[in-house]
Amino acid sequence: MVDPYMLGWILCSVLSLFALYSLVFSGKSRRASPENETLCADTVTTAAGECRSDKVNGDADVIIVGAGVAGSALAHTLGKDGRRVHVIERDLSEPDRIVGELLQPGGYLKLIELGLEDCVEEIDAQQVFGYALFKDGKHTRLSYPLEKFHSEVSGRSFHNGRFIQRMREKAASLSNVRLEQGTVTSLLEDKGTIKGVQYKTKDGEELTAYAPLTIVCDGCFSNLRRSLCNPKVDIPSCFVGLVLENCELPCANHGHVILGDPSPVLFYPISSTEIRCLVDVPGQKVPSISTGSPEVHDAFIASVDKGNIRTMPNRSMPADPHPTPGALLMGDAFNMRHPLTGGGMTVALSDIVVLRNLLKPLRDLNYAPTLCKYLESFYTLRKPVASTINTLAGALYKVFCASPDQARKEMRQACFDYLSLGGLFSEGPISLLSGLNPRPLSLVLHFFAVAVFGVGRLLIPFPSPKRIWIGARLLSGASGIILPIIKAEGIRQMFFPATVPAYYRTPPLAN
């Protein structure tokens, strides 16, 4: 008779061998699957422990067109994550611009999150702690709510070119990031998928570059975005820029906004010895400086006499992308807002944080359709921050511009008086403007609170039919200012992003 223990041992051994064989065989079958072979391209693990594509599809994982604030920061961020990055910039010399000089505290926090905070060092950047608002000889100071943050957290103002050069140096310090001077002339497309770019080197040689993902960050004058989005560019005004020397502002380390006629005038420090003045010019009219602060009058006239005057069109463009396999838009090429509130760099850096978090778990970028579908979540995840800053910039500019309409005049005065109340009435709006609390609902509540406050000023102490009529037009005008901006931004994505299916996209399984 056979020993039952021996029989059990033999049976267990046979079953174990069968189970082991099944596991090995099924693993080979999955690896041999054509679908997974497409998704799981050969990958290389870097010294940092990150994985990157090693397919024969160019010598880079990502091509970035443009090395401004967005392009340089993105190149460093992706390079630090182990991606091979090829940056093509039209001009690698130091830019000379009159915008992109004020980074809000919310943007500085994003800079810290990306490990780029040292880029505001050694460029004579100035700390900014809030704004001073002037109107009709009166002024109010609006301080950023920074009590909960480290002492280094504040706004920063600087020469835009110096900041960009520091960012480029930081990106170029990584061995897997290549910066090249050249002009991208077109995107290379094959069956609806962007495969790379065609560009001219600084010597005029025409070359092509290939990568699984091309990110276009070539700024507000982008000539590549038309195939990747539906650009609806509006130019409500332009800035005339001056640099004032040997000048002190009334409120040190604050941006200054003069509510002049017909539009605002801005002052803020860009170095320890220089003040930037930006005069907003709607159409061809030049605003008077008579309502400005007397402390800067002489320096203003001296700068005009010196003749170093620059102009820059103020563009706004809501994000309206066409999701395209193999390509992505970022920065001013993708989304712009009026620069009055200085929110552009904060939006760009916030977008980079969102994109970095989405790309980080991906080992391979080669399967373009799957990657494109996954990255649709980027457009939804960025919305609460971006749309809040965009909407505030557009609405505030329209409120701050002078108008012959009595209802608009009342709205402008109500805004100044509301902010002058201090406490919650100033802290809420300045939290939105600074990027520290970019909540769309909070923005809408404060905006209509200003309108209701304006109506209250009209009706107290003695309401009259004329005042009631002006109050009704004030509310109607407030709605006419903010609602079209919200509609362009996308009501659902702005207020209810969790109801958008793309919000829940997860990384492709093979990655």
Protein backbone atom coordinates (compact mmCIF):
# COMPACT_ATOMS: atom_id res chain seq x y z
CA MET A 1 0.00 0.00 0.00
CA VAL A 2 1.33 3.41 -0.95
CA ASP A 3 2.24 5.76 1.91
CA PRO A 4 -0.41 8.59 1.92
CA TYR A 5 2.22 11.12 2.95
CA MET A 6 4.44 10.17 0.00
CA LEU A 7 1.45 10.36 -2.36
CA GLY A 8 0.55 13.80 -1.05
CA TRP A 9 4.13 14.99 -1.48
CA ILE A 10 4.24 13.81 -5.12
CA LEU A 11 0.87 15.40 -5.88
CA CYS A 12 1.92 18.74 -4.37
CA SER A 13 5.17 18.69 -6.35
CA VAL A 14 3.35 18.06 -9.64
CA LEU A 15 0.84 20.83 -8.95
CA SER A 16 3.62 23.26 -7.99
CA LEU A 17 5.52 22.52 -11.20
CA PHE A 18 2.33 23.00 -13.23
CA ALA A 19 1.61 26.36 -11.52
CA LEU A 20 5.19 27.55 -12.09
CA TYR A 21 5.03 26.56 -15.78
CA SER A 22 1.70 28.42 -16.20
CA LEU A 23 3.11 31.60 -14.68
CA VAL A 24 6.21 31.57 -16.86
CA PHE A 25 4.24 30.78 -20.02
CA SER A 26 1.56 33.44 -19.43
CA GLY A 27 4.26 36.04 -18.66
CA LYS A 28 5.92 35.27 -22.01
CA SER A 29 2.56 35.50 -23.76
CA ARG A 30 1.87 38.94 -22.30
CA ARG A 31 5.31 40.17 -23.28
CA ALA A 32 4.76 38.84 -26.79
CA SER A 33 1.39 40.55 -27.14
CA PRO A 34 1.50 43.03 -30.07
CA GLU A 35 -0.45 45.68 -28.10
CA ASN A 36 1.92 45.59 -25.18
CA GLU A 37 4.89 45.47 -27.52
CA THR A 38 3.70 48.80 -28.92
CA LEU A 39 3.12 50.36 -25.53
CA CYS A 40 6.17 48.95 -23.77
CA ALA A 41 8.97 50.30 -25.89
CA ASP A 42 12.51 49.52 -24.84
CA THR A 43 13.41 51.66 -21.87
CA VAL A 44 16.62 52.69 -20.16
CA THR A 45 16.90 53.34 -16.45
CA THR A 46 18.92 56.45 -15.66
CA ALA A 47 21.28 56.96 -12.75
CA ALA A 48 18.50 58.84 -11.00
CA GLY A 49 16.31 55.76 -11.16
CA GLU A 50 13.97 57.23 -13.79
CA CYS A 51 13.05 55.44 -17.00
CA ARG A 52 13.14 56.87 -20.48
CA SER A 53 12.42 55.75 -24.01
CA ASP A 54 15.24 54.20 -26.02
CA LYS A 55 13.42 53.70 -29.33
CA VAL A 56 15.00 54.83 -32.56
CA ASN A 57 12.86 57.96 -32.77
CA GLY A 58 15.45 60.69 -32.50
CA ASP A 59 18.00 61.39 -29.83
CA ALA A 60 15.55 62.96 -27.37
CA ASP A 61 12.49 62.00 -25.40
CA VAL A 62 11.07 65.54 -25.55
CA ILE A 63 11.62 68.47 -27.91
CA ILE A 64 10.84 71.88 -26.41
CA VAL A 65 10.34 74.78 -28.81
CA GLY A 66 11.33 77.99 -27.04
CA ALA A 67 13.50 78.69 -24.01
CA GLY A 68 11.64 81.50 -22.30
CA VAL A 69 10.32 81.17 -18.76
CA ALA A 70 8.06 78.20 -19.57
CA GLY A 71 10.48 76.41 -21.90
CA SER A 72 13.54 76.76 -19.68
CA ALA A 73 11.70 75.73 -16.51
CA LEU A 74 10.13 72.77 -18.29
CA ALA A 75 13.47 71.65 -19.74
CA HIS A 76 15.09 71.62 -16.31
CA THR A 77 12.10 69.87 -14.73
CA LEU A 78 11.91 67.06 -17.31
CA GLY A 79 15.69 66.76 -17.47
CA LYS A 80 15.85 66.35 -13.71
CA ASP A 81 13.34 63.50 -14.05
CA GLY A 82 15.72 61.69 -16.40
CA ARG A 83 14.22 62.66 -19.77
CA ARG A 84 16.49 63.51 -22.69
CA VAL A 85 15.42 67.02 -23.66
CA HIS A 86 16.28 68.97 -26.81
CA VAL A 87 15.46 72.69 -26.53
CA ILE A 88 15.42 74.81 -29.70
CA GLU A 89 15.35 78.57 -29.07
CA ARG A 90 15.36 81.27 -31.72
CA ASP A 91 17.75 83.54 -29.80
CA LEU A 92 19.79 82.41 -26.79
CA SER A 93 21.10 85.89 -26.02
CA GLU A 94 19.61 87.71 -23.03
CA PRO A 95 16.06 88.91 -23.84
CA ASP A 96 15.11 92.56 -23.37
CA ARG A 97 11.41 92.72 -22.58
CA ILE A 98 9.13 95.00 -20.56
CA VAL A 99 6.80 92.25 -19.31
CA GLY A 100 7.43 89.05 -17.37
CA GLU A 101 9.17 91.05 -14.65
CA LEU A 102 6.88 90.39 -11.67
CA LEU A 103 6.51 86.93 -10.18
CA GLN A 104 3.64 86.60 -7.72
CA PRO A 105 4.14 84.71 -4.42
CA GLY A 106 2.11 81.78 -5.76
CA GLY A 107 4.53 81.58 -8.68
CA TYR A 108 7.52 81.73 -6.33
CA LEU A 109 6.09 78.74 -4.42
CA LYS A 110 5.89 76.84 -7.72
CA LEU A 111 9.49 77.84 -8.39
CA ILE A 112 10.46 76.25 -5.06
CA GLU A 113 8.44 73.14 -5.92
CA LEU A 114 10.40 72.81 -9.16
CA GLY A 115 13.76 73.38 -7.48
CA LEU A 116 14.35 76.65 -9.36
CA GLU A 117 14.16 79.19 -6.54
CA ASP A 118 17.87 80.00 -6.86
CA CYS A 119 17.13 81.47 -10.31
CA VAL A 120 15.96 84.70 -8.64
CA GLU A 121 19.29 84.98 -6.83
CA GLU A 122 22.28 86.98 -8.12
CA ILE A 123 20.10 89.01 -10.52
CA ASP A 124 19.33 91.88 -8.10
CA ALA A 125 15.72 90.69 -7.80
CA GLN A 126 13.56 92.65 -5.37
CA GLN A 127 11.07 91.22 -2.90
CA VAL A 128 7.49 92.40 -3.39
CA PHE A 129 5.06 92.26 -0.47
CA GLY A 130 1.89 93.62 -2.03
CA TYR A 131 0.39 96.53 -3.95
CA ALA A 132 -0.39 100.17 -3.38
CA LEU A 133 -3.47 101.43 -5.19
CA PHE A 134 -3.89 105.15 -6.01
CA LYS A 135 -7.01 106.98 -7.16
CA ASP A 136 -7.93 110.67 -7.10
CA GLY A 137 -5.28 111.58 -4.53
CA LYS A 138 -6.18 108.70 -2.20
CA HIS A 139 -4.33 105.44 -1.77
CA THR A 140 -4.64 102.10 -0.04
CA ARG A 141 -2.04 99.42 0.63
CA LEU A 142 -2.83 95.77 -0.11
CA SER A 143 -0.39 93.33 1.49
CA TYR A 144 0.03 89.71 0.49
CA PRO A 145 -1.21 87.30 3.23
CA LEU A 146 2.21 85.74 3.86
CA GLU A 147 1.95 85.15 7.61
CA LYS A 148 1.79 81.35 7.22
CA PHE A 149 4.85 81.15 4.98
CA HIS A 150 8.61 81.28 5.41
CA SER A 151 10.16 84.76 5.35
CA GLU A 152 11.68 84.10 1.90
CA VAL A 153 8.23 83.62 0.37
CA SER A 154 7.06 86.79 -1.34
CA GLY A 155 6.68 88.18 -4.81
CA ARG A 156 9.83 88.86 -6.85
CA SER A 157 10.48 91.54 -9.44
CA PHE A 158 13.50 91.57 -11.72
CA HIS A 159 14.83 92.10 -15.22
CA ASN A 160 13.07 89.47 -17.31
CA GLY A 161 16.18 88.73 -19.37
CA ARG A 162 18.36 88.08 -16.33
CA PHE A 163 15.80 85.68 -14.91
CA ILE A 164 15.49 83.76 -18.18
CA GLN A 165 19.27 83.47 -18.55
CA ARG A 166 19.50 81.99 -15.05
CA MET A 167 16.80 79.47 -15.95
CA ARG A 168 18.59 78.54 -19.17
CA GLU A 169 21.88 78.07 -17.31
CA LYS A 170 20.14 75.85 -14.78
CA ALA A 171 18.60 73.71 -17.55
CA ALA A 172 21.86 73.51 -19.54
CA SER A 173 23.73 72.32 -16.42
CA LEU A 174 22.01 68.92 -16.82
CA SER A 175 23.90 66.54 -19.11
CA ASN A 176 20.68 65.21 -20.67
CA VAL A 177 19.38 68.67 -21.65
CA ARG A 178 20.62 70.18 -24.91
CA LEU A 179 20.00 73.84 -25.71
CA GLU A 180 20.38 74.82 -29.35
CA GLN A 181 19.87 78.12 -31.13
CA GLY A 182 17.61 77.73 -34.11
CA THR A 183 14.27 78.75 -35.58
CA VAL A 184 11.59 76.08 -35.77
CA THR A 185 9.77 76.49 -39.06
CA SER A 186 7.23 73.67 -38.85
CA LEU A 187 6.03 70.63 -36.96
CA LEU A 188 6.62 67.27 -38.63
CA GLU A 189 3.34 65.37 -38.91
CA ASP A 190 2.69 61.81 -40.02
CA LYS A 191 -0.87 60.43 -40.11
CA GLY A 192 -2.09 62.99 -37.58
CA THR A 193 0.78 62.49 -35.15
CA ILE A 194 3.52 65.05 -34.52
CA LYS A 195 6.88 63.30 -34.88
CA GLY A 196 9.23 66.23 -34.36
CA VAL A 197 10.19 69.60 -35.86
CA GLN A 198 11.96 71.12 -38.81
CA TYR A 199 14.24 74.03 -37.96
CA LYS A 200 17.01 76.28 -39.20
CA THR A 201 20.22 76.58 -37.21
CA LYS A 202 21.81 79.96 -36.57
CA ASP A 203 24.06 79.19 -39.57
CA GLY A 204 21.03 78.76 -41.83
CA GLU A 205 21.27 74.98 -42.11
CA GLU A 206 17.90 73.21 -42.31
CA LEU A 207 17.62 70.24 -39.97
CA THR A 208 14.96 67.96 -38.52
CA ALA A 209 14.68 66.67 -34.98
CA TYR A 210 12.51 63.80 -33.79
CA ALA A 211 11.08 62.93 -30.39
CA PRO A 212 7.99 61.11 -29.05
CA LEU A 213 6.70 64.37 -27.52
CA THR A 214 7.08 67.94 -28.83
CA ILE A 215 6.11 70.76 -26.47
CA VAL A 216 5.61 74.18 -28.06
CA CYS A 217 6.51 77.08 -25.75
CA ASP A 218 7.45 79.73 -28.31
CA GLY A 219 5.64 82.63 -26.67
CA CYS A 220 2.85 85.06 -27.46
CA PHE A 221 3.91 85.47 -31.10
CA SER A 222 3.87 81.70 -31.73
CA ASN A 223 3.59 80.67 -35.37
CA LEU A 224 3.13 76.99 -34.51
CA ARG A 225 0.07 77.05 -32.28
CA ARG A 226 -2.50 77.31 -35.09
CA SER A 227 -2.38 73.56 -35.76
CA LEU A 228 -2.60 72.71 -32.04
CA CYS A 229 -5.33 75.05 -30.80
CA ASN A 230 -8.04 77.47 -31.86
CA PRO A 231 -6.31 80.81 -31.18
CA LYS A 232 -8.68 83.67 -30.37
CA VAL A 233 -6.20 86.45 -29.63
CA ASP A 234 -7.53 89.76 -28.32
CA ILE A 235 -5.35 92.88 -27.96
CA PRO A 236 -7.22 95.31 -25.68
CA SER A 237 -4.26 97.65 -25.21
CA CYS A 238 -0.50 97.93 -25.20
CA PHE A 239 2.08 98.85 -22.59
CA VAL A 240 4.50 101.71 -23.05
CA GLY A 241 7.46 100.89 -20.83
CA LEU A 242 10.06 103.14 -19.20
CA VAL A 243 12.82 102.53 -16.66
CA LEU A 244 13.01 105.18 -13.94
CA GLU A 245 16.35 105.72 -12.23
CA ASN A 246 17.20 107.43 -8.93
CA CYS A 247 13.60 107.11 -7.85
CA GLU A 248 11.85 105.89 -4.71
CA LEU A 249 8.28 104.68 -4.69
CA PRO A 250 5.91 105.82 -1.92
CA CYS A 251 5.53 102.25 -0.61
CA ALA A 252 8.82 100.35 -0.66
CA ASN A 253 8.79 96.77 -2.02
CA HIS A 254 5.27 97.14 -3.38
CA GLY A 255 3.83 97.29 -6.85
CA HIS A 256 1.99 100.57 -7.49
CA VAL A 257 -1.18 100.88 -9.56
CA ILE A 258 -2.34 104.38 -10.50
CA LEU A 259 -5.97 104.40 -11.62
CA GLY A 260 -5.46 107.08 -14.25
CA ASP A 261 -7.59 108.20 -17.14
CA PRO A 262 -8.17 106.38 -19.44
CA SER A 263 -6.34 103.32 -18.01
CA PRO A 264 -3.95 102.18 -15.26
CA VAL A 265 -0.28 103.03 -14.89
CA LEU A 266 2.00 100.54 -13.10
CA PHE A 267 5.24 101.04 -11.15
CA TYR A 268 7.38 98.33 -9.56
CA PRO A 269 11.10 97.85 -8.82
CA ILE A 270 13.13 95.65 -11.17
CA SER A 271 16.48 96.16 -9.42
CA SER A 272 17.86 98.00 -6.41
CA THR A 273 18.25 101.18 -8.52
CA GLU A 274 15.55 100.90 -11.21
CA ILE A 275 11.78 101.24 -11.29
CA ARG A 276 9.72 99.93 -14.18
CA CYS A 277 6.86 102.15 -15.33
CA LEU A 278 4.22 100.65 -17.60
CA VAL A 279 1.60 102.95 -19.09
CA ASP A 280 -1.41 101.09 -20.43
CA VAL A 281 -2.53 102.63 -23.71
CA PRO A 282 -5.89 101.57 -25.15
CA GLY A 283 -5.88 102.51 -28.80
CA GLN A 284 -3.71 105.57 -29.57
CA LYS A 285 -4.48 107.61 -26.46
CA VAL A 286 -1.77 108.41 -23.92
CA PRO A 287 -3.01 108.60 -20.30
CA SER A 288 -2.27 111.61 -18.17
CA ILE A 289 0.17 111.21 -15.28
CA SER A 290 -1.34 114.12 -13.37
CA THR A 291 -3.19 111.71 -11.07
CA GLY A 292 0.00 109.83 -10.28
CA SER A 293 2.28 110.14 -7.27
CA PRO A 294 4.47 113.30 -7.11
CA GLU A 295 7.41 111.23 -5.83
CA VAL A 296 7.96 109.69 -9.29
CA HIS A 297 7.08 112.69 -11.46
CA ASP A 298 10.63 114.01 -11.98
CA ALA A 299 12.07 110.55 -12.68
CA PHE A 300 9.24 109.91 -15.15
CA ILE A 301 9.96 113.10 -17.10
CA ALA A 302 13.71 112.37 -17.06
CA SER A 303 13.09 108.87 -18.48
CA VAL A 304 10.89 110.30 -21.24
CA ASP A 305 13.57 112.87 -22.10
CA LYS A 306 16.17 110.08 -22.23
CA GLY A 307 14.12 108.43 -24.95
CA ASN A 308 14.43 104.79 -23.84
CA ILE A 309 10.79 103.92 -24.43
CA ARG A 310 9.57 100.41 -25.31
CA THR A 311 6.13 99.16 -26.31
CA MET A 312 4.48 95.77 -26.03
CA PRO A 313 0.97 94.69 -27.12
CA ASN A 314 -1.12 93.23 -24.31
CA ARG A 315 -2.65 90.02 -25.57
CA SER A 316 -5.24 87.72 -24.07
CA MET A 317 -6.16 84.29 -25.41
CA PRO A 318 -8.20 81.60 -23.64
CA ALA A 319 -6.86 78.05 -23.84
CA ASP A 320 -8.75 76.17 -26.57
CA PRO A 321 -6.53 73.20 -27.50
CA HIS A 322 -6.89 70.56 -30.19
CA PRO A 323 -5.47 67.45 -28.45
CA THR A 324 -2.86 66.24 -30.93
CA PRO A 325 -0.85 63.01 -30.57
CA GLY A 326 2.82 63.78 -30.08
CA ALA A 327 2.45 67.49 -29.24
CA LEU A 328 1.46 69.84 -26.44
CA LEU A 329 1.20 73.62 -26.06
CA MET A 330 2.37 75.54 -22.99
CA GLY A 331 3.13 79.07 -21.83
CA ASP A 332 1.97 82.14 -23.74
CA ALA A 333 1.76 80.09 -26.93
CA PHE A 334 -1.13 78.25 -25.25
CA ASN A 335 -2.85 80.72 -22.96
CA MET A 336 -2.54 84.47 -22.30
CA ARG A 337 -4.19 87.01 -20.06
CA HIS A 338 -3.83 90.78 -19.61
CA PRO A 339 -0.50 91.42 -17.82
CA LEU A 340 -2.01 93.96 -15.42
CA THR A 341 -2.03 91.44 -12.56
CA GLY A 342 1.35 89.86 -13.35
CA GLY A 343 -0.08 86.33 -13.37
CA GLY A 344 1.47 84.89 -16.54
CA MET A 345 4.55 83.28 -15.01
CA THR A 346 2.51 81.88 -12.12
CA VAL A 347 0.19 80.13 -14.60
CA ALA A 348 3.13 78.80 -16.64
CA LEU A 349 4.97 77.41 -13.61
CA SER A 350 1.75 75.90 -12.23
CA ASP A 351 1.16 74.20 -15.59
CA ILE A 352 4.68 72.75 -15.49
CA VAL A 353 4.04 71.26 -12.04
CA VAL A 354 0.82 69.66 -13.34
CA LEU A 355 2.55 68.26 -16.44
CA ARG A 356 5.54 66.99 -14.47
CA ASN A 357 3.26 65.07 -12.11
CA LEU A 358 1.42 63.53 -15.06
CA LEU A 359 4.57 62.48 -16.92
CA LYS A 360 6.56 61.28 -13.92
CA PRO A 361 5.06 57.75 -13.70
CA LEU A 362 5.45 57.17 -17.46
CA ARG A 363 8.38 55.01 -18.50
CA ASP A 364 7.77 55.45 -22.22
CA LEU A 365 6.41 58.33 -24.30
CA ASN A 366 6.43 56.60 -27.68
CA TYR A 367 2.84 55.42 -28.07
CA ALA A 368 1.41 58.81 -29.10
CA PRO A 369 -2.37 58.06 -29.18
CA THR A 370 -2.35 56.60 -25.67
CA LEU A 371 -0.17 59.43 -24.35
CA CYS A 372 -2.41 62.04 -26.00
CA LYS A 373 -5.54 60.60 -24.43
CA TYR A 374 -3.86 60.47 -21.02
CA LEU A 375 -2.56 64.05 -21.28
CA GLU A 376 -6.07 65.36 -21.95
CA SER A 377 -6.29 65.41 -18.16
CA PHE A 378 -3.65 68.19 -18.20
CA TYR A 379 -6.16 70.60 -19.73
CA THR A 380 -8.64 69.89 -16.94
CA LEU A 381 -6.24 69.71 -13.98
CA ARG A 382 -4.71 73.09 -14.80
CA LYS A 383 -8.04 74.89 -15.06
CA PRO A 384 -8.86 75.94 -11.48
CA VAL A 385 -5.56 77.81 -11.06
CA ALA A 386 -5.18 79.11 -14.62
CA SER A 387 -8.79 80.16 -15.12
CA THR A 388 -8.91 82.02 -11.78
CA ILE A 389 -5.82 84.08 -12.65
CA ASN A 390 -6.97 84.61 -16.24
CA THR A 391 -10.47 85.71 -15.26
CA LEU A 392 -9.20 88.05 -12.55
CA ALA A 393 -6.76 89.70 -14.97
CA GLY A 394 -9.41 90.30 -17.64
CA ALA A 395 -12.11 91.47 -15.23
CA LEU A 396 -9.83 93.73 -13.17
CA TYR A 397 -8.46 95.44 -16.27
CA LYS A 398 -11.97 96.29 -17.48
CA VAL A 399 -12.98 97.57 -14.03
CA PHE A 400 -9.82 99.68 -13.65
CA CYS A 401 -10.17 101.38 -17.04
CA ALA A 402 -11.94 104.74 -16.98
CA SER A 403 -15.26 105.04 -18.77
CA PRO A 404 -17.73 107.86 -19.49
CA ASP A 405 -20.56 105.52 -18.44
CA GLN A 406 -21.76 106.42 -14.94
CA ALA A 407 -22.37 102.79 -13.95
CA ARG A 408 -18.79 101.84 -14.91
CA LYS A 409 -17.49 104.84 -12.95
CA GLU A 410 -19.39 103.64 -9.90
CA MET A 411 -18.01 100.11 -10.34
CA ARG A 412 -14.46 101.45 -10.49
CA GLN A 413 -14.93 103.56 -7.37
CA ALA A 414 -16.66 100.66 -5.58
CA CYS A 415 -13.68 98.41 -6.32
CA PHE A 416 -11.25 100.96 -4.85
CA ASP A 417 -13.42 101.52 -1.76
CA TYR A 418 -14.04 97.78 -1.27
CA LEU A 419 -10.31 97.03 -1.28
CA SER A 420 -9.72 99.97 1.06
CA LEU A 421 -11.94 98.34 3.70
CA GLY A 422 -9.09 95.99 4.60
CA GLY A 423 -9.46 92.67 6.40
CA LEU A 424 -11.35 90.02 4.46
CA PHE A 425 -12.32 92.57 1.78
CA SER A 426 -8.72 93.14 0.73
CA GLU A 427 -7.14 89.84 1.82
CA GLY A 428 -9.50 87.74 -0.30
CA PRO A 429 -8.88 89.55 -3.61
CA ILE A 430 -5.12 89.91 -3.01
CA SER A 431 -4.92 86.16 -2.24
CA LEU A 432 -6.47 85.50 -5.63
CA LEU A 433 -4.19 87.95 -7.42
CA SER A 434 -1.05 86.58 -5.72
CA GLY A 435 -1.83 83.00 -6.73
CA LEU A 436 -1.88 81.91 -3.08
CA ASN A 437 -5.58 81.04 -3.14
CA PRO A 438 -6.61 80.57 -6.78
CA ARG A 439 -10.21 79.46 -6.27
CA PRO A 440 -12.73 80.31 -9.00
CA LEU A 441 -15.72 80.44 -6.65
CA SER A 442 -13.94 82.86 -4.32
CA LEU A 443 -13.17 85.09 -7.30
CA VAL A 444 -16.80 85.22 -8.43
CA LEU A 445 -18.05 85.89 -4.89
CA HIS A 446 -15.66 88.81 -4.36
CA PHE A 447 -16.37 90.25 -7.80
CA PHE A 448 -20.11 90.37 -7.24
CA ALA A 449 -19.58 91.51 -3.65
CA VAL A 450 -17.85 94.57 -5.14
CA ALA A 451 -20.85 95.11 -7.42
CA VAL A 452 -23.35 94.79 -4.54
CA PHE A 453 -21.17 97.10 -2.44
CA GLY A 454 -21.32 99.62 -5.27
CA VAL A 455 -25.11 99.40 -5.41
CA GLY A 456 -25.27 99.89 -1.65
CA ARG A 457 -23.18 103.07 -1.94
CA LEU A 458 -25.69 104.38 -4.47
CA LEU A 459 -28.81 103.58 -2.47
CA ILE A 460 -27.61 104.80 0.93
CA PRO A 461 -28.77 107.06 2.47
CA PHE A 462 -31.48 108.16 -0.01
CA PRO A 463 -32.29 105.97 -3.00
CA SER A 464 -33.68 107.82 -5.99
CA PRO A 465 -35.01 106.47 -9.30
CA LYS A 466 -31.83 107.63 -11.03
CA ARG A 467 -29.59 105.93 -8.46
CA ILE A 468 -31.64 102.73 -8.59
CA TRP A 469 -31.29 102.73 -12.38
CA ILE A 470 -27.52 103.25 -12.18
CA GLY A 471 -27.34 100.45 -9.59
CA ALA A 472 -29.22 98.09 -11.89
CA ARG A 473 -26.87 98.96 -14.77
CA LEU A 474 -23.88 98.46 -12.46
CA LEU A 475 -24.98 94.89 -11.69
CA SER A 476 -25.71 94.27 -15.35
CA GLY A 477 -22.33 95.71 -16.34
CA ALA A 478 -20.53 93.55 -13.76
CA SER A 479 -22.18 90.46 -15.21
CA GLY A 480 -21.27 91.62 -18.71
CA ILE A 481 -17.61 91.89 -17.66
CA ILE A 482 -17.02 88.59 -15.91
CA LEU A 483 -19.47 86.12 -17.44
CA PRO A 484 -18.05 86.19 -21.01
CA ILE A 485 -14.55 85.59 -19.59
CA ILE A 486 -15.80 82.63 -17.55
CA LYS A 487 -17.63 81.24 -20.57
CA ALA A 488 -14.44 81.44 -22.65
CA GLU A 489 -12.48 79.68 -19.90
CA GLY A 490 -15.07 76.90 -19.67
CA ILE A 491 -17.67 76.87 -16.88
CA ARG A 492 -17.55 73.12 -16.31
CA GLN A 493 -13.76 72.81 -16.23
CA MET A 494 -13.41 75.94 -14.13
CA PHE A 495 -15.96 75.21 -11.41
CA PHE A 496 -16.67 71.48 -11.71
CA PRO A 497 -13.46 69.83 -13.00
CA ALA A 498 -14.30 66.59 -11.20
CA THR A 499 -17.28 66.11 -13.55
CA VAL A 500 -14.99 66.02 -16.61
CA PRO A 501 -14.05 62.42 -17.55
CA ALA A 502 -10.46 63.44 -18.40
CA TYR A 503 -9.98 64.45 -14.74
CA TYR A 504 -9.77 60.75 -13.84
CA ARG A 505 -7.35 59.60 -16.55
CA THR A 506 -4.69 57.26 -15.20
CA PRO A 507 -1.25 56.50 -16.65
CA PRO A 508 -1.26 53.88 -19.43
CA LEU A 509 -1.03 50.39 -17.92
CA ALA A 510 2.15 49.51 -19.74
CA ASN A 511 3.96 52.46 -18.24
